[in-house]
N, C-alpha and C. Protein backbone atom coordinates (compact mmCIF):
# COMPACT_ATOMS: atom_id res chain seq x y z
N MET A 1 6.61 -74.82 108.45
CA MET A 1 7.02 -74.47 106.84
C MET A 1 6.13 -74.32 106.06
N SER A 2 4.94 -74.45 106.71
CA SER A 2 3.68 -74.35 105.62
C SER A 2 3.20 -73.08 105.84
N PHE A 3 3.49 -72.55 107.13
CA PHE A 3 2.40 -71.17 107.25
C PHE A 3 3.69 -70.19 106.55
N VAL A 4 5.08 -70.60 106.42
CA VAL A 4 5.72 -69.69 105.39
C VAL A 4 5.35 -69.78 104.10
N THR A 5 4.70 -71.15 103.87
CA THR A 5 5.15 -71.44 102.03
C THR A 5 3.12 -70.50 102.14
N VAL A 6 3.13 -70.44 102.60
CA VAL A 6 1.45 -69.99 102.57
C VAL A 6 1.65 -68.42 102.45
N SER A 7 2.27 -67.65 103.09
CA SER A 7 2.75 -66.41 103.58
C SER A 7 2.87 -65.89 102.40
N ARG A 8 3.91 -66.46 101.98
CA ARG A 8 4.43 -66.59 100.59
C ARG A 8 3.92 -66.50 99.38
N GLN A 9 2.80 -67.21 99.61
CA GLN A 9 2.06 -67.59 98.14
C GLN A 9 0.71 -66.16 98.17
N ARG A 10 0.34 -66.01 99.25
CA ARG A 10 -0.64 -64.90 99.12
C ARG A 10 -0.15 -63.50 99.14
N ASN A 11 1.52 -63.35 99.65
CA ASN A 11 2.35 -62.27 98.88
C ASN A 11 2.31 -62.02 97.63
N LYS A 12 2.41 -63.02 97.20
CA LYS A 12 2.55 -63.51 95.91
C LYS A 12 1.21 -62.88 94.96
N GLU A 13 0.12 -63.62 95.27
CA GLU A 13 -1.50 -63.45 94.30
C GLU A 13 -1.32 -61.76 95.00
N PHE A 14 -1.03 -61.07 96.20
CA PHE A 14 -1.51 -59.91 96.58
C PHE A 14 -0.55 -58.76 95.35
N VAL A 15 0.69 -59.59 95.22
CA VAL A 15 1.80 -58.77 94.25
C VAL A 15 0.93 -58.62 92.79
N GLN A 16 0.20 -59.56 92.16
CA GLN A 16 0.06 -59.91 90.94
C GLN A 16 -1.36 -58.98 90.89
N THR A 17 -2.43 -58.55 91.97
CA THR A 17 -3.36 -58.06 91.99
C THR A 17 -3.41 -56.41 91.81
N VAL A 18 -2.51 -56.14 92.54
CA VAL A 18 -1.56 -54.34 92.35
C VAL A 18 -1.33 -54.55 91.27
N LEU A 19 -0.31 -55.44 90.43
CA LEU A 19 0.01 -54.94 88.88
C LEU A 19 -0.66 -54.93 87.96
N ALA A 20 -1.66 -55.83 88.34
CA ALA A 20 -2.63 -56.40 87.39
C ALA A 20 -3.60 -55.24 87.54
N LYS A 21 -3.62 -54.41 88.57
CA LYS A 21 -4.93 -53.25 88.94
C LYS A 21 -4.05 -51.67 88.14
N GLU A 22 -2.34 -51.73 88.64
CA GLU A 22 -1.25 -50.59 88.35
C GLU A 22 -1.62 -51.07 86.18
N ALA A 23 -1.36 -52.32 85.74
CA ALA A 23 -1.40 -52.68 84.42
C ALA A 23 -2.39 -51.95 83.75
N ALA A 24 -3.71 -52.01 84.42
CA ALA A 24 -4.88 -51.48 83.84
C ALA A 24 -5.09 -50.39 83.71
N GLU A 25 -4.65 -49.95 84.73
CA GLU A 25 -5.01 -48.13 84.71
C GLU A 25 -4.12 -47.84 83.88
N ILE A 26 -3.07 -48.16 83.91
CA ILE A 26 -1.43 -47.55 82.52
C ILE A 26 -2.38 -47.51 81.03
N ALA A 27 -2.85 -48.89 80.96
CA ALA A 27 -3.42 -49.38 79.63
C ALA A 27 -4.97 -48.42 79.97
N ALA A 28 -5.20 -47.57 80.01
CA ALA A 28 -6.31 -47.03 80.30
C ALA A 28 -5.52 -45.48 80.09
N GLN A 29 -4.74 -45.78 80.68
CA GLN A 29 -4.29 -43.77 80.02
C GLN A 29 -3.54 -43.41 78.96
N GLU A 30 -2.72 -44.95 78.19
CA GLU A 30 -2.27 -45.14 76.98
C GLU A 30 -3.69 -44.95 76.07
N ALA A 31 -4.69 -45.72 76.20
CA ALA A 31 -5.84 -45.69 75.26
C ALA A 31 -6.60 -44.11 75.31
N GLU A 32 -6.15 -43.51 76.91
CA GLU A 32 -7.02 -42.00 76.22
C GLU A 32 -5.54 -41.39 76.14
N ILE A 33 -4.44 -41.35 76.33
CA ILE A 33 -3.55 -40.39 75.52
C ILE A 33 -3.62 -40.72 73.60
N GLN A 34 -3.72 -42.09 73.26
CA GLN A 34 -3.78 -41.72 72.02
C GLN A 34 -5.54 -41.76 71.26
N ARG A 35 -6.62 -41.13 72.51
CA ARG A 35 -7.73 -41.00 71.30
C ARG A 35 -7.20 -39.17 71.33
N ARG A 36 -6.50 -38.96 72.35
CA ARG A 36 -5.73 -37.05 72.78
C ARG A 36 -5.19 -37.37 71.40
N VAL A 37 -4.37 -37.76 71.50
CA VAL A 37 -3.58 -38.30 70.10
C VAL A 37 -4.31 -37.43 68.53
N LYS A 38 -4.91 -38.84 68.59
CA LYS A 38 -5.73 -38.90 67.12
C LYS A 38 -6.48 -38.05 67.22
N GLN A 39 -7.42 -36.94 68.42
CA GLN A 39 -8.04 -35.87 67.98
C GLN A 39 -7.59 -34.52 67.72
N GLU A 40 -5.87 -34.54 68.45
CA GLU A 40 -5.10 -33.52 68.13
C GLU A 40 -4.84 -33.77 66.60
N VAL A 41 -4.18 -34.80 66.35
CA VAL A 41 -4.14 -34.84 64.41
C VAL A 41 -4.80 -34.63 63.81
N ALA A 42 -6.35 -35.08 64.35
CA ALA A 42 -7.67 -34.87 63.24
C ALA A 42 -7.75 -33.17 63.41
N LYS A 43 -7.09 -32.56 64.46
CA LYS A 43 -7.38 -30.91 64.02
C LYS A 43 -6.52 -30.19 63.55
N LEU A 44 -5.55 -30.97 64.28
CA LEU A 44 -4.41 -30.27 63.36
C LEU A 44 -4.43 -30.32 61.80
N LYS A 45 -4.86 -31.21 61.42
CA LYS A 45 -4.99 -31.92 60.04
C LYS A 45 -5.88 -31.11 58.79
N GLU A 46 -7.38 -30.45 60.04
CA GLU A 46 -8.61 -29.79 59.84
C GLU A 46 -7.50 -28.31 59.64
N ASN A 47 -7.14 -27.96 60.35
CA ASN A 47 -6.33 -26.56 60.04
C ASN A 47 -5.54 -26.82 59.66
N THR A 48 -5.08 -27.67 59.18
CA THR A 48 -3.99 -27.32 58.16
C THR A 48 -4.62 -27.74 56.34
N ILE A 49 -6.22 -28.20 56.52
CA ILE A 49 -6.92 -28.20 55.37
C ILE A 49 -6.68 -26.62 54.92
N ALA A 50 -7.92 -26.35 56.13
CA ALA A 50 -8.05 -25.23 55.69
C ALA A 50 -7.24 -24.13 55.71
N GLU A 51 -6.28 -23.97 56.36
CA GLU A 51 -5.20 -22.62 55.86
C GLU A 51 -4.51 -22.95 54.28
N ALA A 52 -4.56 -24.16 54.29
CA ALA A 52 -3.93 -24.67 52.84
C ALA A 52 -5.12 -24.12 51.45
N LYS A 53 -6.40 -24.32 51.88
CA LYS A 53 -7.46 -23.74 51.07
C LYS A 53 -7.72 -22.26 50.79
N GLU A 54 -7.23 -21.67 52.07
CA GLU A 54 -7.59 -20.44 52.30
C GLU A 54 -6.30 -19.79 51.46
N ALA A 55 -5.14 -20.38 51.85
CA ALA A 55 -4.17 -20.10 50.02
C ALA A 55 -4.12 -20.28 49.00
N GLY A 56 -4.26 -21.12 49.17
CA GLY A 56 -4.90 -21.32 47.56
C GLY A 56 -5.55 -20.37 47.03
N GLU A 57 -6.61 -20.44 48.06
CA GLU A 57 -7.57 -19.44 47.09
C GLU A 57 -7.59 -18.17 46.75
N ALA A 58 -6.63 -17.49 48.20
CA ALA A 58 -5.93 -16.04 47.70
C ALA A 58 -4.96 -16.35 46.80
N ALA A 59 -4.51 -17.15 46.64
CA ALA A 59 -2.90 -17.63 45.76
C ALA A 59 -4.15 -17.21 43.82
N ALA A 60 -5.40 -17.83 44.16
CA ALA A 60 -5.65 -17.47 43.00
C ALA A 60 -6.20 -16.10 42.94
N ARG A 61 -7.04 -15.87 43.70
CA ARG A 61 -7.42 -14.55 43.74
C ARG A 61 -6.70 -13.78 43.27
N ALA A 62 -5.32 -13.37 43.57
CA ALA A 62 -4.28 -12.80 43.37
C ALA A 62 -3.95 -13.01 41.98
N VAL A 63 -4.12 -13.97 41.67
CA VAL A 63 -3.63 -14.59 40.00
C VAL A 63 -4.51 -14.41 38.76
N MET A 64 -6.12 -13.89 39.54
CA MET A 64 -6.66 -13.40 38.92
C MET A 64 -7.11 -12.29 38.83
N VAL A 65 -6.80 -11.44 39.83
CA VAL A 65 -7.21 -9.84 39.89
C VAL A 65 -6.39 -9.67 38.11
N PRO A 66 -5.65 -9.63 38.07
CA PRO A 66 -4.87 -9.16 36.83
C PRO A 66 -5.20 -9.15 35.66
N LYS A 67 -5.55 -11.04 35.70
CA LYS A 67 -6.40 -11.45 34.42
C LYS A 67 -7.67 -10.97 34.08
N GLU A 68 -8.64 -10.21 35.61
CA GLU A 68 -9.48 -9.73 35.23
C GLU A 68 -9.60 -8.32 35.07
N GLU A 69 -8.54 -7.39 35.29
CA GLU A 69 -8.09 -5.90 34.39
C GLU A 69 -7.74 -6.00 33.39
N LYS A 70 -6.83 -7.44 32.77
CA LYS A 70 -7.28 -7.70 31.35
C LYS A 70 -7.90 -7.73 30.47
N LEU A 71 -8.23 -8.67 31.10
CA LEU A 71 -9.93 -9.04 30.07
C LEU A 71 -10.74 -7.66 30.11
N THR A 72 -10.86 -6.43 30.95
CA THR A 72 -12.14 -5.80 31.08
C THR A 72 -11.31 -4.58 29.64
N GLN A 73 -9.46 -4.68 29.99
CA GLN A 73 -9.32 -3.69 29.59
C GLN A 73 -9.57 -4.22 27.32
N ALA A 74 -9.58 -5.61 27.73
CA ALA A 74 -9.68 -5.91 26.66
C ALA A 74 -11.53 -6.17 26.09
N ILE A 75 -12.35 -6.42 26.75
CA ILE A 75 -13.59 -5.73 26.45
C ILE A 75 -13.80 -4.38 26.26
N ALA A 76 -12.78 -3.75 26.45
CA ALA A 76 -13.07 -2.02 26.57
C ALA A 76 -12.55 -1.77 25.04
N ALA A 77 -10.96 -2.63 24.61
CA ALA A 77 -11.24 -2.10 23.55
C ALA A 77 -11.82 -2.35 22.08
N LEU A 78 -11.91 -3.68 22.75
CA LEU A 78 -12.78 -4.70 21.83
C LEU A 78 -14.33 -3.50 21.26
N SER A 79 -14.98 -3.25 21.79
CA SER A 79 -16.21 -2.38 22.19
C SER A 79 -15.28 -0.78 21.31
N GLN A 80 -14.83 -0.50 22.16
CA GLN A 80 -13.67 0.99 21.22
C GLN A 80 -14.33 0.25 19.64
N ALA A 81 -13.30 -0.75 19.75
CA ALA A 81 -13.35 -0.56 18.06
C ALA A 81 -14.64 -1.65 16.78
N ILE A 82 -15.59 -1.72 17.72
CA ILE A 82 -16.63 -2.04 16.98
C ILE A 82 -17.58 -0.85 16.85
N ASN A 83 -17.42 0.65 18.13
CA ASN A 83 -18.17 1.52 17.65
C ASN A 83 -17.31 2.12 16.09
N GLN A 84 -16.27 1.95 15.99
CA GLN A 84 -14.87 2.78 15.45
C GLN A 84 -15.27 1.76 13.96
N LEU A 85 -16.00 1.04 13.94
CA LEU A 85 -16.03 0.05 12.85
C LEU A 85 -17.75 0.33 12.44
N SER A 86 -18.92 0.37 13.37
CA SER A 86 -20.01 0.49 13.12
C SER A 86 -20.02 1.87 12.52
N ALA A 87 -19.49 3.39 12.71
CA ALA A 87 -19.50 4.32 12.22
C ALA A 87 -19.04 4.10 10.66
N PRO A 88 -18.29 4.33 10.20
CA PRO A 88 -17.96 3.89 8.47
C PRO A 88 -19.17 3.41 8.03
N LEU A 89 -19.85 2.06 8.60
CA LEU A 89 -20.72 1.04 8.02
C LEU A 89 -21.69 1.85 8.01
N ALA A 90 -22.53 2.09 9.20
CA ALA A 90 -23.39 3.18 9.04
C ALA A 90 -23.31 4.71 8.14
N GLU A 91 -22.45 5.33 7.63
CA GLU A 91 -22.06 5.76 6.60
C GLU A 91 -22.48 5.39 5.36
N LYS A 92 -21.82 4.34 4.89
CA LYS A 92 -22.25 3.31 4.01
C LYS A 92 -23.37 3.12 3.76
N GLU A 93 -24.07 2.76 4.90
CA GLU A 93 -25.22 2.61 5.09
C GLU A 93 -26.37 3.46 4.14
N GLN A 94 -26.12 4.62 4.68
CA GLN A 94 -26.68 5.90 3.89
C GLN A 94 -26.35 6.10 3.12
N ALA A 95 -25.34 6.04 2.67
CA ALA A 95 -24.73 5.90 1.35
C ALA A 95 -25.16 5.36 0.44
N LEU A 96 -25.35 4.14 0.31
CA LEU A 96 -26.41 2.96 -0.21
C LEU A 96 -27.51 3.16 -0.45
N ALA A 97 -28.31 3.81 0.51
CA ALA A 97 -29.20 4.02 0.68
C ALA A 97 -29.36 5.38 -0.22
N GLU A 98 -28.73 6.57 -0.14
CA GLU A 98 -29.39 7.43 -1.18
C GLU A 98 -28.96 7.10 -2.65
N LEU A 99 -28.07 6.42 -2.34
CA LEU A 99 -27.31 6.28 -3.98
C LEU A 99 -29.04 4.67 -4.66
N VAL A 100 -29.05 4.26 -3.78
CA VAL A 100 -30.73 3.28 -4.74
C VAL A 100 -31.70 4.44 -4.23
N LEU A 101 -32.00 5.71 -3.86
CA LEU A 101 -33.12 6.70 -3.90
C LEU A 101 -32.21 7.34 -5.44
N ASP A 102 -31.50 7.58 -5.30
CA ASP A 102 -30.95 8.01 -6.74
C ASP A 102 -31.47 7.51 -8.01
N MET A 103 -30.67 5.78 -7.86
CA MET A 103 -31.34 5.26 -8.91
C MET A 103 -32.92 5.42 -9.54
N ALA A 104 -33.80 5.21 -8.35
CA ALA A 104 -34.79 4.91 -8.42
C ALA A 104 -35.53 6.36 -9.19
N PHE A 105 -34.91 7.30 -8.76
CA PHE A 105 -35.05 8.83 -9.09
C PHE A 105 -34.99 8.90 -10.76
N GLN A 106 -33.88 8.78 -11.11
CA GLN A 106 -33.23 8.39 -12.59
C GLN A 106 -34.62 7.09 -13.24
N LEU A 107 -34.65 6.57 -13.10
CA LEU A 107 -35.42 5.40 -13.41
C LEU A 107 -36.91 5.96 -13.42
N ALA A 108 -36.97 7.08 -12.53
CA ALA A 108 -38.37 7.54 -12.74
C ALA A 108 -38.88 8.51 -13.31
N CYS A 109 -37.70 9.36 -13.99
CA CYS A 109 -37.29 10.15 -14.76
C CYS A 109 -37.48 9.42 -15.82
N HIS A 110 -36.78 8.47 -16.23
CA HIS A 110 -36.88 8.56 -17.17
C HIS A 110 -37.95 7.51 -18.03
N ILE A 111 -39.15 6.97 -17.26
CA ILE A 111 -39.98 6.51 -17.31
C ILE A 111 -41.20 7.52 -17.42
N ALA A 112 -40.79 8.68 -16.35
CA ALA A 112 -42.01 9.44 -16.79
C ALA A 112 -41.56 10.22 -18.12
N GLY A 113 -40.65 10.56 -18.33
CA GLY A 113 -39.93 11.28 -19.52
C GLY A 113 -40.14 10.61 -20.51
N GLY A 114 -40.66 9.59 -20.36
CA GLY A 114 -40.16 8.21 -21.81
C GLY A 114 -41.77 9.00 -22.79
N GLU A 115 -42.17 8.07 -23.92
CA GLU A 115 -43.14 9.14 -25.28
C GLU A 115 -43.75 7.77 -24.37
N SER A 116 -43.98 6.69 -23.48
CA SER A 116 -44.88 6.05 -23.76
C SER A 116 -46.67 6.74 -23.09
N GLY A 117 -47.49 6.48 -23.83
CA GLY A 117 -48.79 6.86 -23.56
C GLY A 117 -49.10 6.27 -22.79
N GLN A 118 -48.66 5.41 -21.88
CA GLN A 118 -49.19 5.01 -20.02
C GLN A 118 -48.20 5.87 -19.33
N ALA A 119 -47.34 6.59 -19.25
CA ALA A 119 -46.78 7.53 -18.47
C ALA A 119 -47.54 9.21 -18.65
N ARG A 120 -47.77 9.48 -20.28
CA ARG A 120 -48.93 10.60 -19.86
C ARG A 120 -49.68 10.61 -19.96
N THR A 121 -50.88 9.10 -19.91
CA THR A 121 -52.03 9.46 -19.10
C THR A 121 -52.04 9.87 -17.67
N GLU A 122 -50.89 8.80 -16.95
CA GLU A 122 -50.81 9.17 -15.88
C GLU A 122 -50.72 10.08 -14.78
N LEU A 123 -49.56 11.26 -15.94
CA LEU A 123 -49.55 12.61 -15.95
C LEU A 123 -50.29 13.28 -16.01
N ALA A 124 -51.83 12.81 -16.90
CA ALA A 124 -52.19 14.22 -17.15
C ALA A 124 -53.47 13.94 -16.00
N GLY A 125 -53.30 12.36 -15.53
CA GLY A 125 -54.25 12.66 -14.28
C GLY A 125 -53.69 13.21 -12.89
N LEU A 126 -52.51 12.99 -13.07
CA LEU A 126 -51.77 13.77 -11.61
C LEU A 126 -52.43 15.34 -11.94
N VAL A 127 -52.16 15.71 -12.64
CA VAL A 127 -52.77 17.09 -13.10
C VAL A 127 -54.24 17.64 -12.73
N THR A 128 -54.67 16.73 -13.64
CA THR A 128 -56.48 16.47 -13.63
C THR A 128 -56.20 16.78 -11.62
N LYS A 129 -56.36 15.72 -10.75
CA LYS A 129 -56.51 16.18 -9.66
C LYS A 129 -55.75 17.43 -8.87
N LEU A 130 -54.64 18.08 -9.53
CA LEU A 130 -53.54 19.10 -8.81
C LEU A 130 -54.53 20.42 -9.09
N LEU A 131 -54.81 19.95 -10.37
CA LEU A 131 -56.27 21.26 -10.63
C LEU A 131 -57.25 21.37 -9.87
N ARG A 132 -58.10 20.49 -10.08
CA ARG A 132 -59.12 19.74 -9.06
C ARG A 132 -58.57 20.91 -7.36
N ASP A 133 -58.65 19.93 -6.63
CA ASP A 133 -57.30 20.56 -5.36
C ASP A 133 -57.14 21.98 -5.43
N ALA A 134 -56.40 22.62 -6.18
CA ALA A 134 -55.80 23.93 -6.68
C ALA A 134 -57.40 24.76 -6.69
N ALA A 135 -58.25 24.34 -7.95
CA ALA A 135 -59.52 25.58 -8.23
C ALA A 135 -60.20 25.34 -7.22
N ALA A 136 -60.15 24.63 -5.80
CA ALA A 136 -61.45 24.13 -4.72
C ALA A 136 -60.78 25.68 -3.52
N ASP A 137 -59.55 26.05 -4.04
CA ASP A 137 -59.21 26.94 -2.90
C ASP A 137 -58.91 28.15 -4.10
N GLN A 138 -59.10 28.41 -5.00
CA GLN A 138 -59.16 29.18 -5.95
C GLN A 138 -60.46 30.74 -5.25
N SER A 139 -59.92 31.56 -5.43
CA SER A 139 -60.92 32.77 -4.89
C SER A 139 -60.49 33.59 -6.50
N ASN A 140 -61.78 34.47 -6.34
CA ASN A 140 -61.99 35.60 -7.95
C ASN A 140 -60.99 36.27 -8.25
N ARG A 141 -59.30 36.52 -7.08
CA ARG A 141 -58.70 37.55 -7.27
C ARG A 141 -57.72 36.59 -7.97
N GLN A 142 -57.87 34.94 -7.99
CA GLN A 142 -56.15 34.15 -8.21
C GLN A 142 -56.61 33.85 -9.82
N THR A 143 -55.86 33.73 -10.26
CA THR A 143 -55.14 33.18 -11.53
C THR A 143 -54.60 31.50 -11.66
N LEU A 144 -55.23 30.87 -11.86
CA LEU A 144 -54.54 29.14 -11.97
C LEU A 144 -53.53 28.76 -13.53
N GLN A 145 -52.83 28.31 -13.21
CA GLN A 145 -51.74 28.25 -14.24
C GLN A 145 -50.67 26.97 -13.79
N ILE A 146 -50.46 26.16 -14.70
CA ILE A 146 -49.62 24.60 -14.53
C ILE A 146 -48.35 24.64 -15.70
N ARG A 147 -47.48 24.44 -14.41
CA ARG A 147 -45.90 24.57 -15.63
C ARG A 147 -45.51 22.70 -15.30
N LEU A 148 -45.80 22.78 -17.11
CA LEU A 148 -45.21 21.48 -17.31
C LEU A 148 -43.66 21.67 -18.37
N HIS A 149 -42.92 20.52 -18.31
CA HIS A 149 -42.03 20.43 -19.23
C HIS A 149 -42.76 20.55 -21.05
N PRO A 150 -41.74 20.95 -21.72
CA PRO A 150 -42.56 21.14 -23.06
C PRO A 150 -42.59 19.78 -23.92
N THR A 151 -42.09 19.08 -23.60
CA THR A 151 -42.05 17.95 -24.15
C THR A 151 -43.95 16.82 -23.48
N ASP A 152 -43.86 17.70 -22.41
CA ASP A 152 -45.52 16.74 -22.00
C ASP A 152 -46.47 17.72 -21.98
N LEU A 153 -46.33 19.39 -22.33
CA LEU A 153 -47.04 20.16 -22.39
C LEU A 153 -48.33 19.47 -23.55
N GLN A 154 -47.73 19.38 -24.54
CA GLN A 154 -48.82 19.39 -25.38
C GLN A 154 -50.40 18.40 -25.39
N ILE A 155 -49.13 17.09 -25.07
CA ILE A 155 -49.65 16.33 -24.89
C ILE A 155 -50.93 15.42 -23.65
N VAL A 156 -50.46 16.39 -22.43
CA VAL A 156 -50.99 16.46 -21.72
C VAL A 156 -52.37 17.21 -21.77
N GLN A 157 -52.15 18.09 -22.01
CA GLN A 157 -53.45 19.54 -22.88
C GLN A 157 -54.28 18.57 -23.60
N GLU A 158 -53.53 17.70 -24.11
CA GLU A 158 -54.57 16.79 -25.05
C GLU A 158 -55.77 16.05 -23.98
N LYS A 159 -55.28 15.23 -23.28
CA LYS A 159 -55.92 14.41 -22.33
C LYS A 159 -56.78 15.17 -20.92
N LEU A 160 -56.41 16.29 -21.10
CA LEU A 160 -56.82 17.09 -20.16
C LEU A 160 -58.20 17.55 -20.21
N PRO A 161 -59.86 17.21 -18.90
CA PRO A 161 -60.87 17.82 -19.41
C PRO A 161 -60.61 19.49 -19.35
N THR A 162 -61.50 20.08 -19.70
CA THR A 162 -61.96 21.38 -20.32
C THR A 162 -61.56 22.08 -18.97
N THR A 163 -60.36 23.00 -19.49
CA THR A 163 -60.15 23.96 -17.77
C THR A 163 -59.40 25.19 -18.33
N SER A 164 -60.18 26.19 -17.55
CA SER A 164 -59.80 27.24 -17.61
C SER A 164 -57.76 28.24 -17.22
N ALA A 165 -57.09 26.60 -16.74
CA ALA A 165 -56.06 26.73 -16.37
C ALA A 165 -55.29 27.09 -17.19
N LYS A 166 -54.03 27.62 -16.83
CA LYS A 166 -53.15 28.39 -18.05
C LYS A 166 -52.24 27.20 -17.69
N LEU A 167 -52.07 26.72 -19.18
CA LEU A 167 -50.82 25.55 -19.16
C LEU A 167 -49.53 25.80 -19.40
N VAL A 168 -48.23 26.58 -19.06
CA VAL A 168 -46.61 26.96 -19.28
C VAL A 168 -46.13 25.64 -19.59
N ALA A 169 -45.57 25.96 -20.43
CA ALA A 169 -44.16 24.99 -21.17
C ALA A 169 -42.72 25.60 -19.97
N ASP A 170 -42.14 24.74 -19.12
CA ASP A 170 -41.01 25.03 -18.57
C ASP A 170 -40.40 24.09 -18.50
N ASP A 171 -39.20 24.54 -19.11
CA ASP A 171 -37.41 23.67 -19.08
C ASP A 171 -37.06 23.13 -17.62
N SER A 172 -37.28 24.00 -16.62
CA SER A 172 -36.83 23.76 -15.41
C SER A 172 -37.90 23.19 -14.71
N ILE A 173 -38.94 22.22 -15.49
CA ILE A 173 -39.21 21.35 -15.14
C ILE A 173 -38.94 19.89 -15.47
N THR A 174 -39.16 19.23 -14.64
CA THR A 174 -38.63 17.75 -14.86
C THR A 174 -39.14 16.93 -15.60
N PRO A 175 -39.01 16.62 -17.11
CA PRO A 175 -40.28 15.57 -17.49
C PRO A 175 -40.78 14.16 -16.31
N GLY A 176 -42.51 14.94 -16.26
CA GLY A 176 -43.26 13.66 -15.55
C GLY A 176 -43.43 14.30 -14.76
N GLY A 177 -43.05 15.97 -14.09
CA GLY A 177 -43.20 16.47 -12.93
C GLY A 177 -44.32 17.65 -13.26
N ALA A 178 -44.74 18.12 -12.58
CA ALA A 178 -45.97 19.18 -12.71
C ALA A 178 -45.61 20.34 -11.52
N LEU A 179 -46.41 21.32 -11.71
CA LEU A 179 -46.25 22.66 -10.68
C LEU A 179 -47.73 23.81 -11.32
N VAL A 180 -48.76 23.16 -10.07
CA VAL A 180 -49.16 23.90 -10.25
C VAL A 180 -49.55 25.39 -9.01
N GLU A 181 -49.72 27.03 -9.62
CA GLU A 181 -49.84 27.64 -8.85
C GLU A 181 -50.78 28.37 -9.17
N LEU A 182 -51.36 28.94 -7.66
CA LEU A 182 -52.69 30.28 -7.66
C LEU A 182 -51.46 31.42 -7.57
N GLN A 183 -51.95 32.19 -8.42
CA GLN A 183 -51.39 33.56 -8.20
C GLN A 183 -52.34 34.87 -8.42
N ALA A 184 -51.89 35.38 -7.21
CA ALA A 184 -53.06 36.97 -7.28
C ALA A 184 -52.78 38.06 -8.61
N HIS A 185 -54.05 38.77 -8.60
CA HIS A 185 -53.99 39.48 -10.32
C HIS A 185 -52.42 40.52 -10.10
N GLY A 186 -52.81 40.72 -8.87
CA GLY A 186 -51.89 41.86 -8.49
C GLY A 186 -50.19 41.49 -7.96
N GLY A 187 -50.35 40.11 -8.16
CA GLY A 187 -48.74 39.41 -8.04
C GLY A 187 -48.52 39.31 -6.27
N ASP A 188 -49.39 39.68 -5.36
CA ASP A 188 -49.44 40.00 -4.34
C ASP A 188 -48.79 38.65 -4.10
N PRO A 189 -47.66 38.11 -2.86
CA PRO A 189 -47.24 36.60 -2.86
C PRO A 189 -47.62 36.25 -1.44
N LEU A 190 -48.69 36.84 -0.79
CA LEU A 190 -49.51 36.13 0.45
C LEU A 190 -50.31 35.69 -0.23
N GLU A 191 -51.02 36.05 -1.29
CA GLU A 191 -51.84 35.42 -1.79
C GLU A 191 -51.84 34.25 -2.98
N LYS A 192 -50.53 33.75 -2.82
CA LYS A 192 -49.66 32.48 -4.09
C LYS A 192 -50.14 30.83 -3.16
N ALA A 193 -50.34 30.35 -4.29
CA ALA A 193 -50.51 29.03 -2.99
C ALA A 193 -49.77 28.06 -4.60
N GLU A 194 -48.68 26.89 -4.36
CA GLU A 194 -48.59 26.25 -4.88
C GLU A 194 -48.38 24.20 -5.11
N TRP A 195 -49.10 23.75 -5.88
CA TRP A 195 -49.26 22.20 -5.80
C TRP A 195 -48.08 21.76 -6.66
N ASP A 196 -46.60 21.68 -5.88
CA ASP A 196 -46.21 20.69 -5.86
C ASP A 196 -45.76 19.70 -6.06
N ALA A 197 -45.66 19.22 -7.99
CA ALA A 197 -45.55 17.74 -8.59
C ALA A 197 -44.51 17.20 -8.52
N ARG A 198 -43.62 17.99 -9.07
CA ARG A 198 -42.43 17.68 -9.40
C ARG A 198 -41.59 16.27 -8.89
N LEU A 199 -40.84 15.90 -9.55
CA LEU A 199 -40.24 14.42 -9.47
C LEU A 199 -39.44 14.65 -7.75
N GLU A 200 -38.55 16.10 -8.29
CA GLU A 200 -37.24 16.47 -7.50
C GLU A 200 -38.34 16.09 -6.25
N SER A 201 -39.32 17.19 -6.14
CA SER A 201 -40.17 17.33 -4.42
C SER A 201 -40.27 16.45 -4.00
N ARG A 202 -41.71 15.16 -5.05
CA ARG A 202 -41.76 14.06 -4.44
C ARG A 202 -40.22 12.97 -4.17
N LEU A 203 -38.90 12.55 -4.61
CA LEU A 203 -37.92 12.74 -4.54
C LEU A 203 -37.61 12.88 -2.69
N GLU A 204 -38.02 14.13 -2.79
CA GLU A 204 -37.46 14.40 -1.49
C GLU A 204 -38.90 14.41 -0.46
N ALA A 205 -39.70 14.38 -0.54
CA ALA A 205 -40.90 13.59 0.42
C ALA A 205 -40.14 12.11 0.45
N ILE A 206 -40.17 11.26 -0.54
CA ILE A 206 -39.23 9.83 -0.01
C ILE A 206 -38.50 10.22 1.09
N ARG A 207 -37.25 10.68 1.00
CA ARG A 207 -36.53 10.97 1.83
C ARG A 207 -36.74 11.72 2.90
N ALA A 208 -37.78 11.92 3.28
CA ALA A 208 -37.73 12.72 4.27
C ALA A 208 -38.44 11.72 4.96
N ALA A 209 -39.57 10.32 4.38
CA ALA A 209 -40.97 9.85 5.17
C ALA A 209 -39.68 8.01 5.60
N LEU A 210 -37.96 8.44 4.68
CA LEU A 210 -36.66 7.33 5.08
C LEU A 210 -35.99 7.44 6.11
N SER A 211 -36.24 8.86 6.73
CA SER A 211 -35.55 9.78 7.52
C SER A 211 -33.95 9.74 7.28
N LEU A 212 -33.77 9.87 6.17
CA LEU A 212 -32.52 10.43 4.99
C LEU A 212 -33.01 11.77 4.76
N PRO A 213 -31.46 12.59 5.17
CA PRO A 213 -30.75 13.48 4.30
C PRO A 213 -31.31 14.02 3.15
N LYS A 214 -31.61 15.22 3.58
CA LYS A 214 -31.86 16.20 2.20
C LYS A 214 -30.78 16.26 1.27
N LYS A 215 -30.65 16.13 0.00
CA LYS A 215 -29.67 15.52 -1.20
C LYS A 215 -29.53 17.36 -1.28
N GLU A 216 -27.53 17.50 -0.58
CA GLU A 216 -27.86 18.98 -1.37
C GLU A 216 -27.78 19.31 -2.93
N ALA A 217 -27.97 20.54 -2.94
CA ALA A 217 -27.72 21.06 -4.51
C ALA A 217 -26.56 20.64 -5.50
N GLU A 218 -26.05 20.28 -6.36
CA GLU A 218 -25.17 20.13 -7.24
C GLU A 218 -24.47 20.98 -7.70
């Protein structure tokens, strides 16, 4: 009886040892399966996120392309509108500058053609300088004359130093202006020279200095 009992006890221990070993192997296999499952799930998650991101970026690009085209068209239209507005503004600025010059010229004519002694003295000083410059270029075959407006002639003549130049009253000269001429006795145009100090000529010089167009004759 005792022999049988012992044998059964040993069989039981053997079975428990085998079962324990198998249980350990199964547990190890389950742990490996879980590890691999987690790894595959992580990869799948990463791939899904990457695909979603790429799809989102593609969708965003698809949405942005027409918006960028519309924005480009809007910028082009705005540039064109600015150019269209700039042209008349530039023309108005030009016209305003010419108007200011014309007003300045009218004021100069009013001041220069006035009855003040200061205006006449300044004109006499200008004429004296012009005569001196012209006399330096005068030859024996040339005569020197200066054209003045009739209202300026007598008063300027009184203020001028002694000169051999001929003073000529000329209604075409704006008050305050003067035109000095060197002319050959025979009327040779090649030997004619002018020192133009008419107010109109000085105005055109101002226009040229300011890069303004020459005013057309009315």
